[in-house]
Amino acid sequence: MGTFRYKKGTKYFSVKGISTKKAIAVQVKDGQFLKAVMRHEQQSTVLNTIGNKHFFSVGAGIIVLILMIIVIIRRFK
């Protein structure tokens, strides 16, 4: 079985009696639905990474570290 991607605007629904962590219903046509079973969690994306609460603090720390290294290298030349 492959990974399916549906176009933007595709309607997703919960399936009665089944957790959305296990499966959802995808409307493929008017009145026609497919049951989509979750095999693994969603892969990380750039937007997920940016949304991470530690992203900006870690990024700022790396920038400060790089600037400190540049200043130290220039001082000892």
N, C-alpha and C. Protein backbone atom coordinates (compact mmCIF):
# COMPACT_ATOMS: atom_id res chain seq x y z
N MET A 1 0.83 -1.18 0.00
CA MET A 1 0.00 0.00 0.00
C MET A 1 0.87 1.24 0.00
N GLY A 2 0.46 2.24 -0.73
CA GLY A 2 1.24 3.45 -0.84
C GLY A 2 0.69 4.57 0.02
N THR A 3 1.36 5.69 -0.05
CA THR A 3 0.92 6.89 0.65
C THR A 3 0.08 7.70 -0.31
N PHE A 4 -1.09 8.12 0.14
CA PHE A 4 -1.97 8.89 -0.72
C PHE A 4 -2.02 10.32 -0.24
N ARG A 5 -2.06 11.22 -1.20
CA ARG A 5 -2.21 12.64 -0.88
C ARG A 5 -3.41 13.14 -1.65
N TYR A 6 -4.23 13.90 -0.97
CA TYR A 6 -5.44 14.44 -1.58
C TYR A 6 -5.29 15.93 -1.75
N LYS A 7 -5.96 16.49 -2.75
CA LYS A 7 -5.81 17.91 -3.05
C LYS A 7 -6.36 18.77 -1.91
N LYS A 8 -5.90 20.00 -1.87
CA LYS A 8 -6.34 20.95 -0.86
C LYS A 8 -7.85 21.10 -0.96
N GLY A 9 -8.50 21.09 0.17
CA GLY A 9 -9.96 21.22 0.20
C GLY A 9 -10.69 19.90 0.35
N THR A 10 -9.94 18.77 0.28
CA THR A 10 -10.54 17.46 0.47
C THR A 10 -11.13 17.39 1.88
N LYS A 11 -12.32 16.82 1.98
CA LYS A 11 -12.99 16.75 3.28
C LYS A 11 -12.64 15.45 3.99
N TYR A 12 -12.30 15.60 5.28
CA TYR A 12 -11.95 14.46 6.13
C TYR A 12 -12.98 14.37 7.25
N PHE A 13 -13.31 13.15 7.64
CA PHE A 13 -14.32 12.94 8.67
C PHE A 13 -13.84 11.87 9.65
N SER A 14 -14.38 11.93 10.87
CA SER A 14 -14.11 10.85 11.82
C SER A 14 -15.03 9.69 11.49
N VAL A 15 -14.63 8.49 11.89
CA VAL A 15 -15.43 7.29 11.69
C VAL A 15 -16.00 6.90 13.04
N LYS A 16 -17.31 6.77 13.10
CA LYS A 16 -17.99 6.47 14.37
C LYS A 16 -17.41 5.20 14.99
N GLY A 17 -17.00 5.32 16.25
CA GLY A 17 -16.49 4.18 16.99
C GLY A 17 -15.00 3.91 16.79
N ILE A 18 -14.33 4.73 15.95
CA ILE A 18 -12.89 4.54 15.71
C ILE A 18 -12.17 5.85 16.02
N SER A 19 -11.10 5.78 16.80
CA SER A 19 -10.31 6.96 17.12
C SER A 19 -9.70 7.54 15.85
N THR A 20 -9.65 8.87 15.75
CA THR A 20 -9.03 9.51 14.58
C THR A 20 -7.53 9.26 14.55
N LYS A 21 -6.96 8.76 15.64
CA LYS A 21 -5.55 8.38 15.63
C LYS A 21 -5.35 7.06 14.90
N LYS A 22 -6.44 6.31 14.71
CA LYS A 22 -6.36 5.02 14.03
C LYS A 22 -6.85 5.08 12.59
N ALA A 23 -7.91 5.86 12.32
CA ALA A 23 -8.45 5.92 10.96
C ALA A 23 -9.36 7.13 10.81
N ILE A 24 -9.50 7.60 9.58
CA ILE A 24 -10.44 8.66 9.23
C ILE A 24 -11.14 8.29 7.93
N ALA A 25 -12.18 9.03 7.60
CA ALA A 25 -12.86 8.84 6.32
C ALA A 25 -12.50 10.03 5.42
N VAL A 26 -12.20 9.74 4.17
CA VAL A 26 -11.84 10.77 3.21
C VAL A 26 -12.91 10.79 2.12
N GLN A 27 -13.51 11.97 1.89
CA GLN A 27 -14.53 12.06 0.84
C GLN A 27 -13.84 12.17 -0.50
N VAL A 28 -14.01 11.15 -1.36
CA VAL A 28 -13.35 11.14 -2.66
C VAL A 28 -14.27 11.62 -3.77
N LYS A 29 -15.57 11.47 -3.60
CA LYS A 29 -16.59 11.97 -4.51
C LYS A 29 -17.82 12.27 -3.69
N ASP A 30 -18.83 12.91 -4.29
CA ASP A 30 -20.07 13.15 -3.56
C ASP A 30 -20.66 11.82 -3.12
N GLY A 31 -20.82 11.66 -1.80
CA GLY A 31 -21.42 10.46 -1.26
C GLY A 31 -20.51 9.24 -1.25
N GLN A 32 -19.24 9.39 -1.67
CA GLN A 32 -18.31 8.26 -1.68
C GLN A 32 -17.11 8.58 -0.78
N PHE A 33 -16.84 7.66 0.15
CA PHE A 33 -15.78 7.87 1.13
C PHE A 33 -14.83 6.67 1.14
N LEU A 34 -13.60 6.94 1.49
CA LEU A 34 -12.61 5.89 1.70
C LEU A 34 -12.15 5.94 3.15
N LYS A 35 -11.96 4.79 3.73
CA LYS A 35 -11.42 4.71 5.09
C LYS A 35 -9.90 4.75 4.99
N ALA A 36 -9.30 5.75 5.62
CA ALA A 36 -7.85 5.88 5.60
C ALA A 36 -7.31 5.44 6.96
N VAL A 37 -6.55 4.36 6.97
CA VAL A 37 -6.00 3.81 8.21
C VAL A 37 -4.61 4.39 8.43
N MET A 38 -4.38 4.88 9.65
CA MET A 38 -3.08 5.47 9.98
C MET A 38 -2.06 4.35 10.21
N ARG A 39 -0.96 4.39 9.47
CA ARG A 39 0.10 3.40 9.64
C ARG A 39 1.23 3.93 10.50
N HIS A 40 1.44 5.24 10.49
CA HIS A 40 2.47 5.87 11.31
C HIS A 40 2.13 7.34 11.45
N GLU A 41 2.80 8.00 12.37
CA GLU A 41 2.54 9.42 12.58
C GLU A 41 3.06 10.23 11.42
N GLN A 42 2.49 11.41 11.27
CA GLN A 42 2.90 12.32 10.21
C GLN A 42 4.37 12.67 10.34
N GLN A 43 5.04 12.73 9.21
CA GLN A 43 6.45 13.10 9.21
C GLN A 43 6.58 14.58 9.51
N SER A 44 7.71 14.92 10.06
CA SER A 44 7.98 16.31 10.38
C SER A 44 8.11 17.14 9.11
N THR A 45 7.58 18.35 9.16
CA THR A 45 7.68 19.27 8.03
C THR A 45 8.34 20.55 8.51
N VAL A 46 8.66 21.42 7.58
CA VAL A 46 9.28 22.70 7.94
C VAL A 46 8.34 23.49 8.85
N LEU A 47 7.04 23.49 8.54
CA LEU A 47 6.09 24.23 9.37
C LEU A 47 6.00 23.64 10.77
N ASN A 48 6.07 22.32 10.91
CA ASN A 48 6.07 21.70 12.22
C ASN A 48 7.30 22.11 13.01
N THR A 49 8.44 22.17 12.33
CA THR A 49 9.69 22.54 12.99
C THR A 49 9.64 23.98 13.46
N ILE A 50 9.14 24.88 12.61
CA ILE A 50 9.04 26.30 12.99
C ILE A 50 8.05 26.46 14.14
N GLY A 51 7.02 25.65 14.16
CA GLY A 51 6.02 25.71 15.22
C GLY A 51 6.51 25.17 16.54
N ASN A 52 7.63 24.45 16.53
CA ASN A 52 8.18 23.90 17.76
C ASN A 52 8.59 25.05 18.68
N LYS A 53 8.22 24.96 19.97
CA LYS A 53 8.47 26.07 20.91
C LYS A 53 9.95 26.34 21.14
N HIS A 54 10.84 25.40 20.84
CA HIS A 54 12.27 25.58 21.07
C HIS A 54 13.02 26.05 19.82
N PHE A 55 12.36 26.10 18.68
CA PHE A 55 13.03 26.40 17.41
C PHE A 55 13.76 27.74 17.45
N PHE A 56 13.08 28.81 17.87
CA PHE A 56 13.68 30.14 17.82
C PHE A 56 14.75 30.32 18.88
N SER A 57 14.58 29.75 20.06
CA SER A 57 15.61 29.91 21.09
C SER A 57 16.88 29.15 20.70
N VAL A 58 16.75 27.96 20.13
CA VAL A 58 17.92 27.21 19.67
C VAL A 58 18.58 27.94 18.50
N GLY A 59 17.78 28.45 17.58
CA GLY A 59 18.31 29.21 16.43
C GLY A 59 19.07 30.44 16.89
N ALA A 60 18.51 31.18 17.84
CA ALA A 60 19.18 32.37 18.36
C ALA A 60 20.49 31.99 19.05
N GLY A 61 20.49 30.89 19.79
CA GLY A 61 21.71 30.43 20.45
C GLY A 61 22.80 30.09 19.45
N ILE A 62 22.44 29.45 18.36
CA ILE A 62 23.42 29.09 17.32
C ILE A 62 23.98 30.35 16.68
N ILE A 63 23.13 31.34 16.41
CA ILE A 63 23.60 32.59 15.79
C ILE A 63 24.58 33.30 16.73
N VAL A 64 24.26 33.36 18.02
CA VAL A 64 25.15 34.00 18.99
C VAL A 64 26.49 33.26 19.04
N LEU A 65 26.46 31.94 19.04
CA LEU A 65 27.68 31.14 19.07
C LEU A 65 28.55 31.42 17.84
N ILE A 66 27.94 31.48 16.67
CA ILE A 66 28.69 31.77 15.43
C ILE A 66 29.32 33.15 15.50
N LEU A 67 28.55 34.15 15.98
CA LEU A 67 29.09 35.51 16.09
C LEU A 67 30.27 35.57 17.08
N MET A 68 30.17 34.82 18.18
CA MET A 68 31.27 34.79 19.14
C MET A 68 32.51 34.17 18.54
N ILE A 69 32.35 33.11 17.76
CA ILE A 69 33.49 32.46 17.11
C ILE A 69 34.14 33.43 16.12
N ILE A 70 33.34 34.16 15.37
CA ILE A 70 33.88 35.13 14.40
C ILE A 70 34.67 36.21 15.14
N VAL A 71 34.15 36.73 16.24
CA VAL A 71 34.85 37.78 17.00
C VAL A 71 36.16 37.24 17.55
N ILE A 72 36.17 36.03 18.10
CA ILE A 72 37.39 35.44 18.65
C ILE A 72 38.42 35.22 17.56
N ILE A 73 38.03 34.71 16.42
CA ILE A 73 38.97 34.48 15.31
C ILE A 73 39.58 35.80 14.85
N ARG A 74 38.81 36.84 14.73
CA ARG A 74 39.31 38.14 14.27
C ARG A 74 40.27 38.77 15.29
N ARG A 75 40.04 38.54 16.56
CA ARG A 75 40.90 39.10 17.60
C ARG A 75 42.30 38.50 17.57
N PHE A 76 42.39 37.22 17.25
CA PHE A 76 43.67 36.54 17.30
C PHE A 76 44.39 36.49 15.95
N LYS A 77 43.94 37.25 14.99
CA LYS A 77 44.63 37.30 13.69
C LYS A 77 45.75 38.27 13.72
